[in-house]
All heavy atoms as atom14 arrays in JSON, in Angstrom:
{
  "sequence": "PTATIGLAGSGIPHEVDLNWNPPSGNSVTIAGYNVYRAPSGTTSYQL",
  "atom14_mask": [
    [1, 1, 1, 1, 1, 1, 1, 0, 0, 0, 0, 0, 0, 0],
    [1, 1, 1, 1, 1, 1, 1, 0, 0, 0, 0, 0, 0, 0],
    [1, 1, 1, 1, 1, 0, 0, 0, 0, 0, 0, 0, 0, 0],
    [1, 1, 1, 1, 1, 1, 1, 0, 0, 0, 0, 0, 0, 0],
    [1, 1, 1, 1, 1, 1, 1, 1, 0, 0, 0, 0, 0, 0],
    [1, 1, 1, 1, 0, 0, 0, 0, 0, 0, 0, 0, 0, 0],
    [1, 1, 1, 1, 1, 1, 1, 1, 0, 0, 0, 0, 0, 0],
    [1, 1, 1, 1, 1, 0, 0, 0, 0, 0, 0, 0, 0, 0],
    [1, 1, 1, 1, 0, 0, 0, 0, 0, 0, 0, 0, 0, 0],
    [1, 1, 1, 1, 1, 1, 0, 0, 0, 0, 0, 0, 0, 0],
    [1, 1, 1, 1, 0, 0, 0, 0, 0, 0, 0, 0, 0, 0],
    [1, 1, 1, 1, 1, 1, 1, 1, 0, 0, 0, 0, 0, 0],
    [1, 1, 1, 1, 1, 1, 1, 0, 0, 0, 0, 0, 0, 0],
    [1, 1, 1, 1, 1, 1, 1, 1, 1, 1, 0, 0, 0, 0],
    [1, 1, 1, 1, 1, 1, 1, 1, 1, 0, 0, 0, 0, 0],
    [1, 1, 1, 1, 1, 1, 1, 0, 0, 0, 0, 0, 0, 0],
    [1, 1, 1, 1, 1, 1, 1, 1, 0, 0, 0, 0, 0, 0],
    [1, 1, 1, 1, 1, 1, 1, 1, 0, 0, 0, 0, 0, 0],
    [1, 1, 1, 1, 1, 1, 1, 1, 0, 0, 0, 0, 0, 0],
    [1, 1, 1, 1, 1, 1, 1, 1, 1, 1, 1, 1, 1, 1],
    [1, 1, 1, 1, 1, 1, 1, 1, 0, 0, 0, 0, 0, 0],
    [1, 1, 1, 1, 1, 1, 1, 0, 0, 0, 0, 0, 0, 0],
    [1, 1, 1, 1, 1, 1, 1, 0, 0, 0, 0, 0, 0, 0],
    [1, 1, 1, 1, 1, 1, 0, 0, 0, 0, 0, 0, 0, 0],
    [1, 1, 1, 1, 0, 0, 0, 0, 0, 0, 0, 0, 0, 0],
    [1, 1, 1, 1, 1, 1, 1, 1, 0, 0, 0, 0, 0, 0],
    [1, 1, 1, 1, 1, 1, 0, 0, 0, 0, 0, 0, 0, 0],
    [1, 1, 1, 1, 1, 1, 1, 0, 0, 0, 0, 0, 0, 0],
    [1, 1, 1, 1, 1, 1, 1, 0, 0, 0, 0, 0, 0, 0],
    [1, 1, 1, 1, 1, 1, 1, 1, 0, 0, 0, 0, 0, 0],
    [1, 1, 1, 1, 1, 0, 0, 0, 0, 0, 0, 0, 0, 0],
    [1, 1, 1, 1, 0, 0, 0, 0, 0, 0, 0, 0, 0, 0],
    [1, 1, 1, 1, 1, 1, 1, 1, 1, 1, 1, 1, 0, 0],
    [1, 1, 1, 1, 1, 1, 1, 1, 0, 0, 0, 0, 0, 0],
    [1, 1, 1, 1, 1, 1, 1, 0, 0, 0, 0, 0, 0, 0],
    [1, 1, 1, 1, 1, 1, 1, 1, 1, 1, 1, 1, 0, 0],
    [1, 1, 1, 1, 1, 1, 1, 1, 1, 1, 1, 0, 0, 0],
    [1, 1, 1, 1, 1, 0, 0, 0, 0, 0, 0, 0, 0, 0],
    [1, 1, 1, 1, 1, 1, 1, 0, 0, 0, 0, 0, 0, 0],
    [1, 1, 1, 1, 1, 1, 0, 0, 0, 0, 0, 0, 0, 0],
    [1, 1, 1, 1, 0, 0, 0, 0, 0, 0, 0, 0, 0, 0],
    [1, 1, 1, 1, 1, 1, 1, 0, 0, 0, 0, 0, 0, 0],
    [1, 1, 1, 1, 1, 1, 1, 0, 0, 0, 0, 0, 0, 0],
    [1, 1, 1, 1, 1, 1, 0, 0, 0, 0, 0, 0, 0, 0],
    [1, 1, 1, 1, 1, 1, 1, 1, 1, 1, 1, 1, 0, 0],
    [1, 1, 1, 1, 1, 1, 1, 1, 1, 0, 0, 0, 0, 0],
    [1, 1, 1, 1, 1, 1, 1, 1, 0, 0, 0, 0, 0, 0]
  ],
  "atom14_positions": [
    [[52.17, 113.22, 128.38], [51.66, 112.29, 127.36], [52.58, 112.13, 126.14], [52.51, 111.13, 125.45], [50.31, 112.87, 126.96], [50.35, 114.3, 127.4], [51.3, 114.38, 128.55], [0.0, 0.0, 0.0], [0.0, 0.0, 0.0], [0.0, 0.0, 0.0], [0.0, 0.0, 0.0], [0.0, 0.0, 0.0], [0.0, 0.0, 0.0], [0.0, 0.0, 0.0]],
    [[53.46, 113.11, 125.9], [54.48, 112.96, 124.86], [55.83, 113.09, 125.55], [56.31, 114.18, 125.81], [54.33, 114.04, 123.76], [53.04, 113.92, 123.18], [55.38, 113.85, 122.67], [0.0, 0.0, 0.0], [0.0, 0.0, 0.0], [0.0, 0.0, 0.0], [0.0, 0.0, 0.0], [0.0, 0.0, 0.0], [0.0, 0.0, 0.0], [0.0, 0.0, 0.0]],
    [[56.39, 111.94, 125.89], [57.66, 111.92, 126.62], [58.81, 111.83, 125.62], [58.74, 111.08, 124.65], [57.71, 110.72, 127.56], [0.0, 0.0, 0.0], [0.0, 0.0, 0.0], [0.0, 0.0, 0.0], [0.0, 0.0, 0.0], [0.0, 0.0, 0.0], [0.0, 0.0, 0.0], [0.0, 0.0, 0.0], [0.0, 0.0, 0.0], [0.0, 0.0, 0.0]],
    [[59.87, 112.61, 125.85], [61.05, 112.54, 124.99], [62.26, 112.16, 125.82], [62.45, 112.65, 126.94], [61.31, 113.88, 124.27], [61.43, 114.91, 125.25], [60.19, 114.22, 123.3], [0.0, 0.0, 0.0], [0.0, 0.0, 0.0], [0.0, 0.0, 0.0], [0.0, 0.0, 0.0], [0.0, 0.0, 0.0], [0.0, 0.0, 0.0], [0.0, 0.0, 0.0]],
    [[63.05, 111.27, 125.26], [64.26, 110.77, 125.91], [65.42, 111.07, 124.97], [65.38, 110.68, 123.8], [64.14, 109.25, 126.15], [62.99, 108.99, 127.14], [65.45, 108.66, 126.65], [62.61, 107.54, 127.23], [0.0, 0.0, 0.0], [0.0, 0.0, 0.0], [0.0, 0.0, 0.0], [0.0, 0.0, 0.0], [0.0, 0.0, 0.0], [0.0, 0.0, 0.0]],
    [[66.42, 111.77, 125.47], [67.59, 112.09, 124.66], [68.42, 110.86, 124.39], [68.61, 110.01, 125.27], [0.0, 0.0, 0.0], [0.0, 0.0, 0.0], [0.0, 0.0, 0.0], [0.0, 0.0, 0.0], [0.0, 0.0, 0.0], [0.0, 0.0, 0.0], [0.0, 0.0, 0.0], [0.0, 0.0, 0.0], [0.0, 0.0, 0.0], [0.0, 0.0, 0.0]],
    [[68.92, 110.74, 123.17], [69.79, 109.63, 122.77], [71.12, 110.21, 122.32], [71.15, 111.26, 121.66], [69.16, 108.85, 121.62], [67.76, 108.29, 121.83], [67.24, 107.63, 120.55], [67.74, 107.3, 122.99], [0.0, 0.0, 0.0], [0.0, 0.0, 0.0], [0.0, 0.0, 0.0], [0.0, 0.0, 0.0], [0.0, 0.0, 0.0], [0.0, 0.0, 0.0]],
    [[72.21, 109.56, 122.69], [73.53, 110.04, 122.29], [74.49, 108.87, 122.12], [74.38, 107.85, 122.82], [74.09, 111.01, 123.34], [0.0, 0.0, 0.0], [0.0, 0.0, 0.0], [0.0, 0.0, 0.0], [0.0, 0.0, 0.0], [0.0, 0.0, 0.0], [0.0, 0.0, 0.0], [0.0, 0.0, 0.0], [0.0, 0.0, 0.0], [0.0, 0.0, 0.0]],
    [[75.41, 109.02, 121.19], [76.43, 108.02, 120.97], [77.48, 108.56, 120.02], [77.28, 109.59, 119.38], [0.0, 0.0, 0.0], [0.0, 0.0, 0.0], [0.0, 0.0, 0.0], [0.0, 0.0, 0.0], [0.0, 0.0, 0.0], [0.0, 0.0, 0.0], [0.0, 0.0, 0.0], [0.0, 0.0, 0.0], [0.0, 0.0, 0.0], [0.0, 0.0, 0.0]],
    [[78.59, 107.85, 119.94], [79.66, 108.23, 119.0], [80.03, 107.02, 118.18], [80.26, 105.94, 118.73], [80.91, 108.7, 119.75], [80.71, 109.96, 120.3], [0.0, 0.0, 0.0], [0.0, 0.0, 0.0], [0.0, 0.0, 0.0], [0.0, 0.0, 0.0], [0.0, 0.0, 0.0], [0.0, 0.0, 0.0], [0.0, 0.0, 0.0], [0.0, 0.0, 0.0]],
    [[80.11, 107.23, 116.88], [80.6, 106.18, 116.0], [82.12, 106.27, 115.95], [82.68, 107.34, 115.8], [0.0, 0.0, 0.0], [0.0, 0.0, 0.0], [0.0, 0.0, 0.0], [0.0, 0.0, 0.0], [0.0, 0.0, 0.0], [0.0, 0.0, 0.0], [0.0, 0.0, 0.0], [0.0, 0.0, 0.0], [0.0, 0.0, 0.0], [0.0, 0.0, 0.0]],
    [[82.77, 105.13, 116.16], [84.23, 105.09, 116.09], [84.64, 104.07, 115.03], [83.92, 103.12, 114.78], [84.88, 104.76, 117.46], [84.38, 103.43, 118.02], [84.64, 105.89, 118.46], [85.12, 102.96, 119.26], [0.0, 0.0, 0.0], [0.0, 0.0, 0.0], [0.0, 0.0, 0.0], [0.0, 0.0, 0.0], [0.0, 0.0, 0.0], [0.0, 0.0, 0.0]],
    [[85.79, 104.3, 114.39], [86.19, 103.4, 113.31], [86.63, 102.03, 113.83], [87.01, 101.89, 114.99], [87.37, 104.13, 112.67], [87.91, 105.01, 113.73], [86.75, 105.38, 114.61], [0.0, 0.0, 0.0], [0.0, 0.0, 0.0], [0.0, 0.0, 0.0], [0.0, 0.0, 0.0], [0.0, 0.0, 0.0], [0.0, 0.0, 0.0], [0.0, 0.0, 0.0]],
    [[86.56, 101.06, 112.92], [87.15, 99.75, 113.22], [88.65, 99.95, 113.34], [89.21, 100.87, 112.75], [86.9, 98.77, 112.07], [85.49, 98.28, 112.0], [85.01, 97.3, 112.82], [84.47, 98.64, 111.21], [83.74, 97.07, 112.54], [83.39, 97.88, 111.55], [0.0, 0.0, 0.0], [0.0, 0.0, 0.0], [0.0, 0.0, 0.0], [0.0, 0.0, 0.0]],
    [[89.3, 99.09, 114.09], [90.76, 99.11, 114.12], [91.26, 97.69, 114.28], [90.57, 96.83, 114.8], [91.31, 100.03, 115.21], [91.01, 99.6, 116.62], [91.59, 100.56, 117.66], [91.58, 101.78, 117.45], [92.06, 100.05, 118.69], [0.0, 0.0, 0.0], [0.0, 0.0, 0.0], [0.0, 0.0, 0.0], [0.0, 0.0, 0.0], [0.0, 0.0, 0.0]],
    [[92.46, 97.49, 113.79], [93.13, 96.2, 113.92], [94.36, 96.45, 114.79], [95.17, 97.32, 114.49], [93.55, 95.64, 112.54], [94.4, 94.39, 112.72], [92.33, 95.35, 111.69], [0.0, 0.0, 0.0], [0.0, 0.0, 0.0], [0.0, 0.0, 0.0], [0.0, 0.0, 0.0], [0.0, 0.0, 0.0], [0.0, 0.0, 0.0], [0.0, 0.0, 0.0]],
    [[94.43, 95.71, 115.89], [95.57, 95.83, 116.81], [96.5, 94.63, 116.58], [96.11, 93.49, 116.8], [95.09, 95.84, 118.26], [94.26, 97.07, 118.58], [94.64, 98.17, 118.15], [93.21, 96.92, 119.24], [0.0, 0.0, 0.0], [0.0, 0.0, 0.0], [0.0, 0.0, 0.0], [0.0, 0.0, 0.0], [0.0, 0.0, 0.0], [0.0, 0.0, 0.0]],
    [[97.71, 94.92, 116.12], [98.7, 93.87, 115.87], [99.8, 93.94, 116.93], [100.15, 95.03, 117.38], [99.35, 94.07, 114.5], [98.44, 94.05, 113.27], [99.23, 94.44, 112.04], [97.84, 92.67, 113.1], [0.0, 0.0, 0.0], [0.0, 0.0, 0.0], [0.0, 0.0, 0.0], [0.0, 0.0, 0.0], [0.0, 0.0, 0.0], [0.0, 0.0, 0.0]],
    [[100.3, 92.79, 117.33], [101.5, 92.76, 118.18], [102.26, 91.49, 117.84], [101.68, 90.52, 117.38], [101.15, 92.88, 119.66], [100.3, 91.75, 120.15], [100.74, 90.6, 120.17], [99.06, 92.05, 120.53], [0.0, 0.0, 0.0], [0.0, 0.0, 0.0], [0.0, 0.0, 0.0], [0.0, 0.0, 0.0], [0.0, 0.0, 0.0], [0.0, 0.0, 0.0]],
    [[103.57, 91.54, 118.02], [104.41, 90.42, 117.65], [105.61, 90.35, 118.57], [105.92, 91.3, 119.28], [104.84, 90.52, 116.19], [105.56, 91.8, 115.86], [106.9, 92.03, 115.93], [104.98, 93.05, 115.46], [107.19, 93.32, 115.59], [106.02, 93.97, 115.29], [103.67, 93.48, 115.22], [105.81, 95.29, 114.91], [103.45, 94.79, 114.84], [104.52, 95.68, 114.67]],
    [[106.26, 89.2, 118.55], [107.48, 89.0, 119.34], [108.68, 89.23, 118.43], [108.67, 88.79, 117.28], [107.53, 87.57, 119.9], [106.42, 87.33, 120.89], [106.09, 88.2, 121.68], [105.81, 86.15, 120.81], [0.0, 0.0, 0.0], [0.0, 0.0, 0.0], [0.0, 0.0, 0.0], [0.0, 0.0, 0.0], [0.0, 0.0, 0.0], [0.0, 0.0, 0.0]],
    [[109.72, 89.89, 118.94], [110.92, 90.06, 118.13], [111.54, 88.69, 117.83], [111.41, 87.78, 118.63], [111.86, 90.89, 119.01], [111.15, 91.15, 120.29], [109.82, 90.47, 120.26], [0.0, 0.0, 0.0], [0.0, 0.0, 0.0], [0.0, 0.0, 0.0], [0.0, 0.0, 0.0], [0.0, 0.0, 0.0], [0.0, 0.0, 0.0], [0.0, 0.0, 0.0]],
    [[112.15, 88.55, 116.66], [112.78, 87.26, 116.35], [113.91, 86.97, 117.34], [114.58, 87.89, 117.8], [113.31, 87.44, 114.92], [113.3, 88.92, 114.66], [112.32, 89.53, 115.61], [0.0, 0.0, 0.0], [0.0, 0.0, 0.0], [0.0, 0.0, 0.0], [0.0, 0.0, 0.0], [0.0, 0.0, 0.0], [0.0, 0.0, 0.0], [0.0, 0.0, 0.0]],
    [[114.08, 85.7, 117.64], [115.14, 85.34, 118.59], [116.3, 84.68, 117.85], [116.13, 84.2, 116.73], [114.58, 84.4, 119.67], [114.02, 83.26, 119.05], [0.0, 0.0, 0.0], [0.0, 0.0, 0.0], [0.0, 0.0, 0.0], [0.0, 0.0, 0.0], [0.0, 0.0, 0.0], [0.0, 0.0, 0.0], [0.0, 0.0, 0.0], [0.0, 0.0, 0.0]],
    [[117.45, 84.65, 118.48], [118.62, 83.99, 117.9], [119.14, 84.7, 116.66], [119.66, 84.08, 115.76], [0.0, 0.0, 0.0], [0.0, 0.0, 0.0], [0.0, 0.0, 0.0], [0.0, 0.0, 0.0], [0.0, 0.0, 0.0], [0.0, 0.0, 0.0], [0.0, 0.0, 0.0], [0.0, 0.0, 0.0], [0.0, 0.0, 0.0], [0.0, 0.0, 0.0]],
    [[118.95, 86.02, 116.63], [119.36, 86.79, 115.46], [120.7, 87.46, 115.73], [120.9, 88.03, 116.79], [118.29, 87.86, 115.21], [118.06, 88.11, 113.74], [118.91, 87.78, 112.93], [116.94, 88.7, 113.42], [0.0, 0.0, 0.0], [0.0, 0.0, 0.0], [0.0, 0.0, 0.0], [0.0, 0.0, 0.0], [0.0, 0.0, 0.0], [0.0, 0.0, 0.0]],
    [[121.6, 87.39, 114.77], [122.91, 88.03, 114.95], [122.88, 89.49, 114.5], [123.8, 90.23, 114.74], [123.97, 87.26, 114.17], [123.6, 87.24, 112.81], [0.0, 0.0, 0.0], [0.0, 0.0, 0.0], [0.0, 0.0, 0.0], [0.0, 0.0, 0.0], [0.0, 0.0, 0.0], [0.0, 0.0, 0.0], [0.0, 0.0, 0.0], [0.0, 0.0, 0.0]],
    [[121.79, 89.88, 113.85], [121.66, 91.24, 113.34], [120.95, 92.11, 114.38], [120.02, 91.66, 115.03], [120.84, 91.23, 112.02], [120.62, 92.61, 111.48], [121.52, 90.34, 110.99], [0.0, 0.0, 0.0], [0.0, 0.0, 0.0], [0.0, 0.0, 0.0], [0.0, 0.0, 0.0], [0.0, 0.0, 0.0], [0.0, 0.0, 0.0], [0.0, 0.0, 0.0]],
    [[121.41, 93.34, 114.54], [120.73, 94.27, 115.45], [119.5, 94.85, 114.75], [119.6, 95.44, 113.68], [121.68, 95.42, 115.86], [122.85, 94.84, 116.42], [121.02, 96.34, 116.87], [0.0, 0.0, 0.0], [0.0, 0.0, 0.0], [0.0, 0.0, 0.0], [0.0, 0.0, 0.0], [0.0, 0.0, 0.0], [0.0, 0.0, 0.0], [0.0, 0.0, 0.0]],
    [[118.34, 94.64, 115.38], [117.09, 95.11, 114.79], [116.87, 96.58, 115.16], [116.9, 96.95, 116.33], [115.9, 94.25, 115.27], [116.08, 92.81, 114.76], [114.58, 94.85, 114.81], [115.1, 91.83, 115.34], [0.0, 0.0, 0.0], [0.0, 0.0, 0.0], [0.0, 0.0, 0.0], [0.0, 0.0, 0.0], [0.0, 0.0, 0.0], [0.0, 0.0, 0.0]],
    [[116.69, 97.4, 114.12], [116.46, 98.83, 114.35], [114.97, 99.14, 114.41], [114.55, 100.13, 115.01], [117.1, 99.64, 113.22], [0.0, 0.0, 0.0], [0.0, 0.0, 0.0], [0.0, 0.0, 0.0], [0.0, 0.0, 0.0], [0.0, 0.0, 0.0], [0.0, 0.0, 0.0], [0.0, 0.0, 0.0], [0.0, 0.0, 0.0], [0.0, 0.0, 0.0]],
    [[114.16, 98.29, 113.8], [112.72, 98.53, 113.81], [111.98, 97.5, 112.99], [112.54, 96.48, 112.58], [0.0, 0.0, 0.0], [0.0, 0.0, 0.0], [0.0, 0.0, 0.0], [0.0, 0.0, 0.0], [0.0, 0.0, 0.0], [0.0, 0.0, 0.0], [0.0, 0.0, 0.0], [0.0, 0.0, 0.0], [0.0, 0.0, 0.0], [0.0, 0.0, 0.0]],
    [[110.69, 97.79, 112.76], [109.82, 96.86, 112.04], [108.99, 97.64, 111.03], [108.51, 98.74, 111.32], [108.87, 96.15, 113.0], [109.59, 95.4, 114.1], [109.88, 96.0, 115.31], [109.99, 94.08, 113.89], [110.55, 95.32, 116.31], [110.67, 93.39, 114.89], [110.95, 94.01, 116.09], [111.62, 93.34, 117.07], [0.0, 0.0, 0.0], [0.0, 0.0, 0.0]],
    [[108.84, 97.08, 109.84], [107.93, 97.64, 108.84], [106.69, 96.75, 108.79], [106.82, 95.52, 108.73], [108.58, 97.68, 107.45], [109.63, 98.76, 107.33], [109.65, 99.72, 108.1], [110.51, 98.62, 106.35], [0.0, 0.0, 0.0], [0.0, 0.0, 0.0], [0.0, 0.0, 0.0], [0.0, 0.0, 0.0], [0.0, 0.0, 0.0], [0.0, 0.0, 0.0]],
    [[105.51, 97.37, 108.83], [104.25, 96.63, 108.76], [103.64, 96.88, 107.38], [103.53, 98.04, 106.94], [103.28, 97.08, 109.87], [101.96, 96.31, 109.77], [103.9, 96.9, 111.25], [0.0, 0.0, 0.0], [0.0, 0.0, 0.0], [0.0, 0.0, 0.0], [0.0, 0.0, 0.0], [0.0, 0.0, 0.0], [0.0, 0.0, 0.0], [0.0, 0.0, 0.0]],
    [[103.28, 95.78, 106.71], [102.68, 95.86, 105.38], [101.27, 95.27, 105.41], [101.01, 94.32, 106.15], [103.52, 95.06, 104.37], [104.87, 95.67, 104.08], [105.96, 95.38, 104.91], [105.05, 96.51, 102.99], [107.21, 95.93, 104.64], [106.29, 97.07, 102.72], [107.37, 96.77, 103.54], [108.59, 97.32, 103.29], [0.0, 0.0, 0.0], [0.0, 0.0, 0.0]],
    [[100.39, 95.85, 104.56], [99.0, 95.37, 104.49], [98.62, 95.22, 103.02], [99.0, 96.04, 102.19], [98.06, 96.38, 105.16], [96.6, 95.98, 105.11], [95.71, 97.04, 105.73], [95.44, 98.07, 104.73], [94.84, 99.23, 105.02], [94.49, 99.52, 106.25], [94.61, 100.1, 104.08], [0.0, 0.0, 0.0], [0.0, 0.0, 0.0], [0.0, 0.0, 0.0]],
    [[97.82, 94.16, 102.74], [97.28, 93.94, 101.39], [95.83, 93.49, 101.53], [95.46, 92.87, 102.53], [98.07, 92.87, 100.66], [0.0, 0.0, 0.0], [0.0, 0.0, 0.0], [0.0, 0.0, 0.0], [0.0, 0.0, 0.0], [0.0, 0.0, 0.0], [0.0, 0.0, 0.0], [0.0, 0.0, 0.0], [0.0, 0.0, 0.0], [0.0, 0.0, 0.0]],
    [[95.0, 93.78, 100.53], [93.65, 93.18, 100.53], [93.82, 91.66, 100.54], [94.69, 91.14, 99.82], [93.04, 93.67, 99.22], [93.8, 94.91, 98.86], [95.2, 94.67, 99.38], [0.0, 0.0, 0.0], [0.0, 0.0, 0.0], [0.0, 0.0, 0.0], [0.0, 0.0, 0.0], [0.0, 0.0, 0.0], [0.0, 0.0, 0.0], [0.0, 0.0, 0.0]],
    [[93.04, 90.96, 101.34], [93.2, 89.5, 101.47], [93.18, 88.82, 100.11], [92.39, 89.17, 99.23], [92.08, 88.92, 102.34], [92.35, 89.2, 103.68], [0.0, 0.0, 0.0], [0.0, 0.0, 0.0], [0.0, 0.0, 0.0], [0.0, 0.0, 0.0], [0.0, 0.0, 0.0], [0.0, 0.0, 0.0], [0.0, 0.0, 0.0], [0.0, 0.0, 0.0]],
    [[94.09, 87.84, 99.96], [94.15, 87.05, 98.75], [94.95, 87.71, 97.63], [95.04, 87.16, 96.55], [0.0, 0.0, 0.0], [0.0, 0.0, 0.0], [0.0, 0.0, 0.0], [0.0, 0.0, 0.0], [0.0, 0.0, 0.0], [0.0, 0.0, 0.0], [0.0, 0.0, 0.0], [0.0, 0.0, 0.0], [0.0, 0.0, 0.0], [0.0, 0.0, 0.0]],
    [[95.51, 88.9, 97.87], [96.32, 89.55, 96.84], [97.77, 89.61, 97.33], [98.05, 89.29, 98.49], [95.85, 90.99, 96.54], [96.2, 91.84, 97.64], [94.34, 91.05, 96.31], [0.0, 0.0, 0.0], [0.0, 0.0, 0.0], [0.0, 0.0, 0.0], [0.0, 0.0, 0.0], [0.0, 0.0, 0.0], [0.0, 0.0, 0.0], [0.0, 0.0, 0.0]],
    [[98.65, 90.04, 96.46], [100.06, 90.21, 96.86], [100.45, 91.68, 96.77], [101.62, 92.0, 96.79], [100.98, 89.37, 95.96], [100.71, 89.73, 94.6], [100.76, 87.89, 96.17], [0.0, 0.0, 0.0], [0.0, 0.0, 0.0], [0.0, 0.0, 0.0], [0.0, 0.0, 0.0], [0.0, 0.0, 0.0], [0.0, 0.0, 0.0], [0.0, 0.0, 0.0]],
    [[99.46, 92.58, 96.71], [99.76, 94.02, 96.57], [99.93, 94.67, 97.94], [99.11, 95.48, 98.36], [98.68, 94.72, 95.75], [97.41, 94.44, 96.29], [0.0, 0.0, 0.0], [0.0, 0.0, 0.0], [0.0, 0.0, 0.0], [0.0, 0.0, 0.0], [0.0, 0.0, 0.0], [0.0, 0.0, 0.0], [0.0, 0.0, 0.0], [0.0, 0.0, 0.0]],
    [[101.01, 94.27, 98.63], [101.28, 94.8, 99.97], [101.74, 96.25, 99.9], [102.55, 96.6, 99.05], [102.35, 93.95, 100.68], [101.79, 92.66, 101.21], [101.8, 91.5, 100.45], [101.22, 92.61, 102.49], [101.26, 90.32, 100.94], [100.69, 91.43, 102.98], [100.7, 90.3, 102.21], [100.17, 89.15, 102.69], [0.0, 0.0, 0.0], [0.0, 0.0, 0.0]],
    [[101.21, 97.06, 100.79], [101.6, 98.46, 100.92], [102.15, 98.67, 102.32], [101.6, 98.13, 103.29], [100.38, 99.38, 100.72], [99.72, 99.26, 99.37], [100.55, 99.85, 98.26], [101.18, 100.89, 98.43], [100.57, 99.19, 97.1], [0.0, 0.0, 0.0], [0.0, 0.0, 0.0], [0.0, 0.0, 0.0], [0.0, 0.0, 0.0], [0.0, 0.0, 0.0]],
    [[103.18, 99.49, 102.44], [103.74, 99.82, 103.75], [102.74, 100.7, 104.49], [102.35, 101.75, 104.0], [105.07, 100.56, 103.56], [105.81, 100.97, 104.84], [106.27, 99.74, 105.61], [107.0, 101.85, 104.48], [0.0, 0.0, 0.0], [0.0, 0.0, 0.0], [0.0, 0.0, 0.0], [0.0, 0.0, 0.0], [0.0, 0.0, 0.0], [0.0, 0.0, 0.0]]
  ]
}
């Protein structure tokens, strides 16, 4: 008459997955990429 059902779950954070194409027609050898983020509408970009 008193039935119990176990509940389980895991909270996981939000994530943003970015991907891009390397620039083409470049004479410079690319060693890597720096990704910068700012709160939307601001110019306070942080590496």
